[in-house]
N, C-alpha and C. Protein backbone atom coordinates (compact mmCIF):
# COMPACT_ATOMS: atom_id res chain seq x y z
N MET A 1 107.31 128.54 80.62
CA MET A 1 106.28 127.63 81.08
C MET A 1 104.92 128.29 80.89
N SER A 2 103.97 127.57 80.31
CA SER A 2 102.65 128.14 80.07
C SER A 2 101.85 128.20 81.37
N ALA A 3 100.78 129.00 81.33
CA ALA A 3 99.93 129.14 82.52
C ALA A 3 99.29 127.81 82.89
N GLY A 4 98.95 127.01 81.87
CA GLY A 4 98.34 125.70 82.14
C GLY A 4 99.29 124.76 82.85
N ASN A 5 100.56 124.73 82.40
CA ASN A 5 101.56 123.88 83.04
C ASN A 5 101.86 124.34 84.46
N SER A 6 101.90 125.66 84.66
CA SER A 6 102.14 126.21 85.98
C SER A 6 101.02 125.83 86.94
N ASN A 7 99.79 125.91 86.45
CA ASN A 7 98.63 125.55 87.26
C ASN A 7 98.66 124.06 87.59
N LEU A 8 99.04 123.23 86.64
CA LEU A 8 99.13 121.78 86.86
C LEU A 8 100.20 121.46 87.90
N ALA A 9 101.34 122.11 87.79
CA ALA A 9 102.42 121.88 88.75
C ALA A 9 102.00 122.31 90.14
N GLU A 10 101.31 123.43 90.24
CA GLU A 10 100.83 123.92 91.54
C GLU A 10 99.81 122.95 92.13
N THR A 11 98.93 122.43 91.28
CA THR A 11 97.93 121.46 91.73
C THR A 11 98.58 120.18 92.21
N LYS A 12 99.58 119.70 91.48
CA LYS A 12 100.31 118.49 91.89
C LYS A 12 100.98 118.70 93.24
N SER A 13 101.60 119.84 93.40
CA SER A 13 102.29 120.16 94.65
C SER A 13 101.30 120.18 95.82
N LEU A 14 100.17 120.82 95.60
CA LEU A 14 99.13 120.89 96.63
C LEU A 14 98.63 119.49 96.98
N LEU A 15 98.42 118.67 95.96
CA LEU A 15 97.94 117.31 96.18
C LEU A 15 98.96 116.50 96.99
N LEU A 16 100.23 116.62 96.65
CA LEU A 16 101.27 115.91 97.39
C LEU A 16 101.32 116.34 98.85
N GLU A 17 101.16 117.63 99.10
CA GLU A 17 101.11 118.13 100.48
C GLU A 17 99.93 117.52 101.24
N MET A 18 98.78 117.47 100.57
CA MET A 18 97.57 116.91 101.20
C MET A 18 97.75 115.43 101.53
N VAL A 19 98.34 114.68 100.60
CA VAL A 19 98.55 113.25 100.81
C VAL A 19 99.51 113.02 101.98
N THR A 20 100.58 113.81 102.02
CA THR A 20 101.56 113.69 103.10
C THR A 20 100.92 114.03 104.44
N GLU A 21 100.15 115.09 104.48
CA GLU A 21 99.47 115.49 105.71
C GLU A 21 98.48 114.42 106.17
N ALA A 22 97.73 113.86 105.23
CA ALA A 22 96.77 112.82 105.56
C ALA A 22 97.47 111.59 106.12
N ALA A 23 98.60 111.22 105.52
CA ALA A 23 99.35 110.06 106.01
C ALA A 23 99.88 110.32 107.42
N ASP A 24 100.36 111.53 107.68
CA ASP A 24 100.84 111.89 109.01
C ASP A 24 99.72 111.82 110.04
N LEU A 25 98.55 112.34 109.67
CA LEU A 25 97.40 112.30 110.58
C LEU A 25 96.96 110.86 110.85
N LYS A 26 96.95 110.05 109.80
CA LYS A 26 96.56 108.65 109.97
C LYS A 26 97.53 107.93 110.91
N GLN A 27 98.81 108.22 110.76
CA GLN A 27 99.81 107.60 111.64
C GLN A 27 99.62 108.09 113.08
N ALA A 28 99.37 109.38 113.26
CA ALA A 28 99.17 109.94 114.59
C ALA A 28 97.93 109.35 115.26
N ALA A 29 96.90 109.09 114.45
CA ALA A 29 95.65 108.53 114.99
C ALA A 29 95.74 107.03 115.21
N GLY A 30 96.78 106.42 114.68
CA GLY A 30 96.91 104.97 114.82
C GLY A 30 95.94 104.21 113.94
N GLY A 31 95.50 104.83 112.88
CA GLY A 31 94.54 104.21 111.97
C GLY A 31 93.73 105.29 111.28
N SER A 32 92.49 105.00 111.05
CA SER A 32 91.61 105.93 110.34
C SER A 32 91.35 107.19 111.16
N VAL A 33 91.57 108.35 110.53
CA VAL A 33 91.28 109.62 111.18
C VAL A 33 89.77 109.74 111.43
N THR A 34 88.99 109.29 110.48
CA THR A 34 87.54 109.34 110.62
C THR A 34 87.08 108.52 111.81
N ASP A 35 87.65 107.33 111.98
CA ASP A 35 87.29 106.50 113.14
C ASP A 35 87.69 107.18 114.45
N ALA A 36 88.87 107.81 114.46
CA ALA A 36 89.33 108.50 115.67
C ALA A 36 88.39 109.65 116.03
N VAL A 37 88.00 110.43 115.03
CA VAL A 37 87.09 111.55 115.29
C VAL A 37 85.72 111.03 115.73
N ALA A 38 85.24 109.99 115.08
CA ALA A 38 83.95 109.41 115.47
C ALA A 38 83.99 108.90 116.90
N GLY A 39 85.11 108.29 117.27
CA GLY A 39 85.26 107.80 118.64
C GLY A 39 85.23 108.92 119.67
N TRP A 40 85.74 110.07 119.29
CA TRP A 40 85.71 111.23 120.18
C TRP A 40 84.34 111.91 120.14
N LEU A 41 83.77 112.01 118.95
CA LEU A 41 82.53 112.77 118.77
C LEU A 41 81.32 112.10 119.40
N ALA A 42 81.22 110.79 119.33
CA ALA A 42 80.04 110.09 119.84
C ALA A 42 79.79 110.38 121.32
N PRO A 43 80.78 110.24 122.20
CA PRO A 43 80.50 110.56 123.60
C PRO A 43 80.23 112.05 123.83
N GLN A 44 80.86 112.92 123.03
CA GLN A 44 80.60 114.35 123.16
C GLN A 44 79.13 114.65 122.83
N TYR A 45 78.67 114.01 121.78
CA TYR A 45 77.27 114.19 121.36
C TYR A 45 76.33 113.69 122.45
N LEU A 46 76.66 112.55 123.01
CA LEU A 46 75.84 111.96 124.07
C LEU A 46 75.74 112.90 125.27
N VAL A 47 76.86 113.47 125.69
CA VAL A 47 76.87 114.39 126.83
C VAL A 47 76.04 115.64 126.50
N ALA A 48 76.21 116.17 125.31
CA ALA A 48 75.46 117.37 124.91
C ALA A 48 73.96 117.08 124.86
N ALA A 49 73.60 115.91 124.35
CA ALA A 49 72.17 115.55 124.28
C ALA A 49 71.59 115.41 125.68
N ARG A 50 72.35 114.80 126.56
CA ARG A 50 71.89 114.63 127.95
C ARG A 50 71.68 116.00 128.61
N GLU A 51 72.64 116.91 128.43
CA GLU A 51 72.50 118.26 128.99
C GLU A 51 71.27 118.96 128.43
N LYS A 52 71.06 118.82 127.14
CA LYS A 52 69.90 119.45 126.49
C LYS A 52 68.60 118.89 127.07
N LEU A 53 68.57 117.58 127.29
CA LEU A 53 67.37 116.96 127.85
C LEU A 53 67.09 117.42 129.28
N THR A 54 68.14 117.57 130.08
CA THR A 54 67.92 117.99 131.47
C THR A 54 67.47 119.44 131.56
N GLU A 55 67.78 120.24 130.55
CA GLU A 55 67.39 121.65 130.54
C GLU A 55 66.00 121.86 129.93
N THR A 56 65.39 120.81 129.42
CA THR A 56 64.16 120.95 128.63
C THR A 56 62.96 120.42 129.41
N ASP A 57 61.83 121.13 129.23
CA ASP A 57 60.60 120.65 129.87
C ASP A 57 60.08 119.43 129.13
N SER A 58 59.17 118.74 129.73
CA SER A 58 58.70 117.45 129.20
C SER A 58 58.05 117.57 127.82
N ALA A 59 57.47 118.70 127.48
CA ALA A 59 56.79 118.84 126.19
C ALA A 59 57.80 118.79 125.03
N ALA A 60 58.99 119.35 125.20
CA ALA A 60 59.96 119.41 124.12
C ALA A 60 60.92 118.22 124.13
N ARG A 61 60.89 117.41 125.18
CA ARG A 61 61.83 116.28 125.28
C ARG A 61 61.68 115.30 124.12
N PHE A 62 60.44 115.06 123.73
CA PHE A 62 60.20 114.10 122.64
C PHE A 62 60.91 114.55 121.37
N GLU A 63 60.82 115.82 121.03
CA GLU A 63 61.47 116.33 119.82
C GLU A 63 62.98 116.21 119.91
N ILE A 64 63.53 116.48 121.08
CA ILE A 64 64.98 116.34 121.25
C ILE A 64 65.38 114.88 121.10
N LEU A 65 64.62 113.99 121.71
CA LEU A 65 64.91 112.56 121.60
C LEU A 65 64.78 112.08 120.16
N ARG A 66 63.76 112.58 119.47
CA ARG A 66 63.57 112.18 118.07
C ARG A 66 64.75 112.63 117.21
N THR A 67 65.23 113.82 117.41
CA THR A 67 66.40 114.32 116.69
C THR A 67 67.63 113.48 117.04
N PHE A 68 67.78 113.19 118.32
CA PHE A 68 68.91 112.37 118.76
C PHE A 68 68.88 110.99 118.10
N VAL A 69 67.73 110.37 118.06
CA VAL A 69 67.60 109.05 117.45
C VAL A 69 67.93 109.11 115.96
N GLN A 70 67.47 110.12 115.27
CA GLN A 70 67.78 110.26 113.84
C GLN A 70 69.28 110.42 113.61
N ASP A 71 69.91 111.28 114.40
CA ASP A 71 71.36 111.48 114.26
C ASP A 71 72.11 110.19 114.59
N TRP A 72 71.71 109.54 115.66
CA TRP A 72 72.40 108.32 116.08
C TRP A 72 72.21 107.20 115.05
N ALA A 73 71.03 107.14 114.45
CA ALA A 73 70.79 106.13 113.41
C ALA A 73 71.72 106.34 112.22
N LYS A 74 71.97 107.59 111.86
CA LYS A 74 72.91 107.88 110.77
C LYS A 74 74.32 107.44 111.14
N LEU A 75 74.72 107.71 112.37
CA LEU A 75 76.05 107.28 112.81
C LEU A 75 76.17 105.76 112.78
N ARG A 76 75.17 105.08 113.27
CA ARG A 76 75.19 103.62 113.30
C ARG A 76 75.18 103.04 111.88
N HIS A 77 74.46 103.70 110.98
CA HIS A 77 74.43 103.25 109.59
C HIS A 77 75.85 103.29 109.01
N GLY A 78 76.58 104.34 109.32
CA GLY A 78 77.98 104.43 108.87
C GLY A 78 78.82 103.30 109.45
N ASP A 79 78.62 103.00 110.73
CA ASP A 79 79.34 101.88 111.36
C ASP A 79 79.02 100.57 110.66
N HIS A 80 77.76 100.35 110.41
CA HIS A 80 77.35 99.09 109.77
C HIS A 80 77.89 98.99 108.35
N THR A 81 77.89 100.10 107.63
CA THR A 81 78.44 100.11 106.27
C THR A 81 79.93 99.77 106.29
N ALA A 82 80.65 100.36 107.23
CA ALA A 82 82.09 100.09 107.34
C ALA A 82 82.32 98.61 107.67
N GLU A 83 81.52 98.07 108.55
CA GLU A 83 81.67 96.66 108.92
C GLU A 83 81.35 95.75 107.73
N ARG A 84 80.32 96.10 106.97
CA ARG A 84 79.95 95.32 105.79
C ARG A 84 81.09 95.33 104.77
N LEU A 85 81.71 96.48 104.59
CA LEU A 85 82.84 96.57 103.66
C LEU A 85 84.01 95.70 104.13
N GLN A 86 84.26 95.68 105.43
CA GLN A 86 85.33 94.84 105.96
C GLN A 86 85.04 93.36 105.70
N ILE A 87 83.80 92.96 105.89
CA ILE A 87 83.42 91.57 105.63
C ILE A 87 83.61 91.24 104.16
N GLU A 88 83.23 92.16 103.28
CA GLU A 88 83.40 91.94 101.84
C GLU A 88 84.88 91.82 101.47
N ARG A 89 85.73 92.65 102.09
CA ARG A 89 87.17 92.55 101.84
C ARG A 89 87.71 91.19 102.26
N GLU A 90 87.25 90.72 103.42
CA GLU A 90 87.70 89.41 103.90
C GLU A 90 87.24 88.29 102.97
N LYS A 91 86.01 88.38 102.48
CA LYS A 91 85.51 87.38 101.53
C LYS A 91 86.34 87.39 100.25
N LEU A 92 86.66 88.58 99.76
CA LEU A 92 87.46 88.71 98.55
C LEU A 92 88.84 88.11 98.76
N ASP A 93 89.43 88.36 99.92
CA ASP A 93 90.75 87.81 100.23
C ASP A 93 90.70 86.28 100.25
N GLU A 94 89.67 85.73 100.85
CA GLU A 94 89.52 84.26 100.88
C GLU A 94 89.32 83.69 99.48
N ALA A 95 88.55 84.39 98.67
CA ALA A 95 88.32 83.93 97.29
C ALA A 95 89.63 83.94 96.50
N ARG A 96 90.45 84.97 96.72
CA ARG A 96 91.75 85.02 96.04
C ARG A 96 92.63 83.85 96.46
N LYS A 97 92.64 83.56 97.74
CA LYS A 97 93.44 82.44 98.23
C LYS A 97 92.95 81.13 97.61
N ASP A 98 91.64 80.95 97.55
CA ASP A 98 91.08 79.74 96.94
C ASP A 98 91.49 79.65 95.47
N ASP A 99 91.40 80.78 94.76
CA ASP A 99 91.78 80.79 93.34
C ASP A 99 93.26 80.44 93.16
N GLN A 100 94.11 80.97 94.04
CA GLN A 100 95.53 80.65 93.96
C GLN A 100 95.77 79.16 94.17
N CYS A 101 95.09 78.60 95.15
CA CYS A 101 95.25 77.17 95.42
C CYS A 101 94.78 76.33 94.23
N LYS A 102 93.65 76.70 93.65
CA LYS A 102 93.13 75.97 92.50
C LYS A 102 94.09 76.06 91.32
N ALA A 103 94.64 77.26 91.09
CA ALA A 103 95.59 77.44 89.98
C ALA A 103 96.83 76.60 90.20
N LEU A 104 97.33 76.56 91.41
CA LEU A 104 98.50 75.74 91.71
C LEU A 104 98.20 74.26 91.53
N GLU A 105 97.03 73.84 91.95
CA GLU A 105 96.65 72.43 91.77
C GLU A 105 96.60 72.06 90.29
N ILE A 106 96.02 72.94 89.48
CA ILE A 106 95.93 72.67 88.04
C ILE A 106 97.33 72.59 87.43
N CYS A 107 98.18 73.56 87.80
CA CYS A 107 99.55 73.55 87.27
C CYS A 107 100.28 72.29 87.70
N LEU A 108 100.06 71.88 88.91
CA LEU A 108 100.72 70.67 89.42
C LEU A 108 100.25 69.45 88.62
N ASP A 109 98.95 69.36 88.39
CA ASP A 109 98.42 68.25 87.61
C ASP A 109 98.97 68.25 86.19
N GLU A 110 99.06 69.45 85.59
CA GLU A 110 99.52 69.57 84.21
C GLU A 110 101.02 69.26 84.06
N SER A 111 101.77 69.45 85.13
CA SER A 111 103.22 69.31 85.03
C SER A 111 103.72 67.95 85.51
N MET A 112 102.84 66.97 85.57
CA MET A 112 103.22 65.63 86.05
C MET A 112 104.38 65.03 85.25
N GLN A 113 104.49 65.38 83.99
CA GLN A 113 105.52 64.78 83.15
C GLN A 113 106.91 65.34 83.42
N TRP A 114 107.01 66.50 84.13
CA TRP A 114 108.32 67.10 84.45
C TRP A 114 108.51 67.10 85.96
N PRO A 115 109.25 66.16 86.48
CA PRO A 115 109.41 66.03 87.93
C PRO A 115 109.98 67.28 88.59
N GLU A 116 110.90 68.00 87.93
CA GLU A 116 111.49 69.20 88.55
C GLU A 116 110.42 70.28 88.74
N VAL A 117 109.61 70.47 87.71
CA VAL A 117 108.55 71.47 87.79
C VAL A 117 107.51 71.04 88.81
N LYS A 118 107.20 69.77 88.80
CA LYS A 118 106.23 69.23 89.75
C LYS A 118 106.68 69.50 91.18
N GLU A 119 107.95 69.31 91.47
CA GLU A 119 108.46 69.53 92.82
C GLU A 119 108.41 71.00 93.21
N LEU A 120 108.69 71.89 92.26
CA LEU A 120 108.60 73.34 92.54
C LEU A 120 107.17 73.74 92.89
N PHE A 121 106.22 73.24 92.10
CA PHE A 121 104.82 73.54 92.37
C PHE A 121 104.36 72.93 93.68
N ARG A 122 104.80 71.74 93.96
CA ARG A 122 104.40 71.08 95.20
C ARG A 122 104.90 71.90 96.41
N ALA A 123 106.13 72.40 96.33
CA ALA A 123 106.68 73.21 97.42
C ALA A 123 105.90 74.51 97.58
N ALA A 124 105.58 75.17 96.47
CA ALA A 124 104.82 76.42 96.53
C ALA A 124 103.41 76.17 97.07
N PHE A 125 102.82 75.08 96.64
CA PHE A 125 101.48 74.73 97.10
C PHE A 125 101.49 74.44 98.60
N THR A 126 102.48 73.73 99.06
CA THR A 126 102.60 73.41 100.48
C THR A 126 102.78 74.69 101.29
N GLN A 127 103.61 75.60 100.80
CA GLN A 127 103.81 76.89 101.48
C GLN A 127 102.50 77.66 101.58
N LEU A 128 101.76 77.70 100.50
CA LEU A 128 100.49 78.42 100.49
C LEU A 128 99.50 77.80 101.47
N LYS A 129 99.42 76.50 101.49
CA LYS A 129 98.52 75.81 102.42
C LYS A 129 98.90 76.09 103.87
N GLU A 130 100.21 76.10 104.17
CA GLU A 130 100.67 76.37 105.53
C GLU A 130 100.34 77.81 105.93
N ARG A 131 100.48 78.74 105.00
CA ARG A 131 100.15 80.13 105.28
C ARG A 131 98.66 80.27 105.57
N GLU A 132 97.84 79.52 104.84
CA GLU A 132 96.40 79.55 105.08
C GLU A 132 96.05 79.08 106.48
N LYS A 133 96.80 78.10 106.98
CA LYS A 133 96.55 77.55 108.30
C LYS A 133 97.11 78.44 109.40
N GLY A 134 97.80 79.50 109.01
CA GLY A 134 98.35 80.42 110.00
C GLY A 134 99.76 80.11 110.40
N LYS A 135 100.41 79.21 109.70
CA LYS A 135 101.80 78.90 109.99
C LYS A 135 102.68 79.89 109.23
N PRO A 136 103.87 80.19 109.77
CA PRO A 136 104.78 81.13 109.07
C PRO A 136 105.33 80.57 107.78
């Protein structure tokens, strides 16, 4: 085995270990590890900032507050970005459902001359519509 192949195999092995570990952590956190850490870190930061403010004279309080606001704005920006991505995913999912319905309608219209095919499409279309409405 050449040195290049050995290095590739070692890299693959390392990558597989990392993926497995990440999946285990995600399962342990009940979702996103980043969200779990952020949920823990935000109140810790708040407590630390409060302690820092109580230990500081009035002249330096403004600078501490300004730093706190900058840090908190970055955290909130991340929250807003994540929420925006979720909204975009939901829009994409709805667009896919609409496209599927339109495709089924077109196929149904095109297959009018074959009753067996028409009935298959009608059943699939009905199932899709029911799923959209939240029915099983």
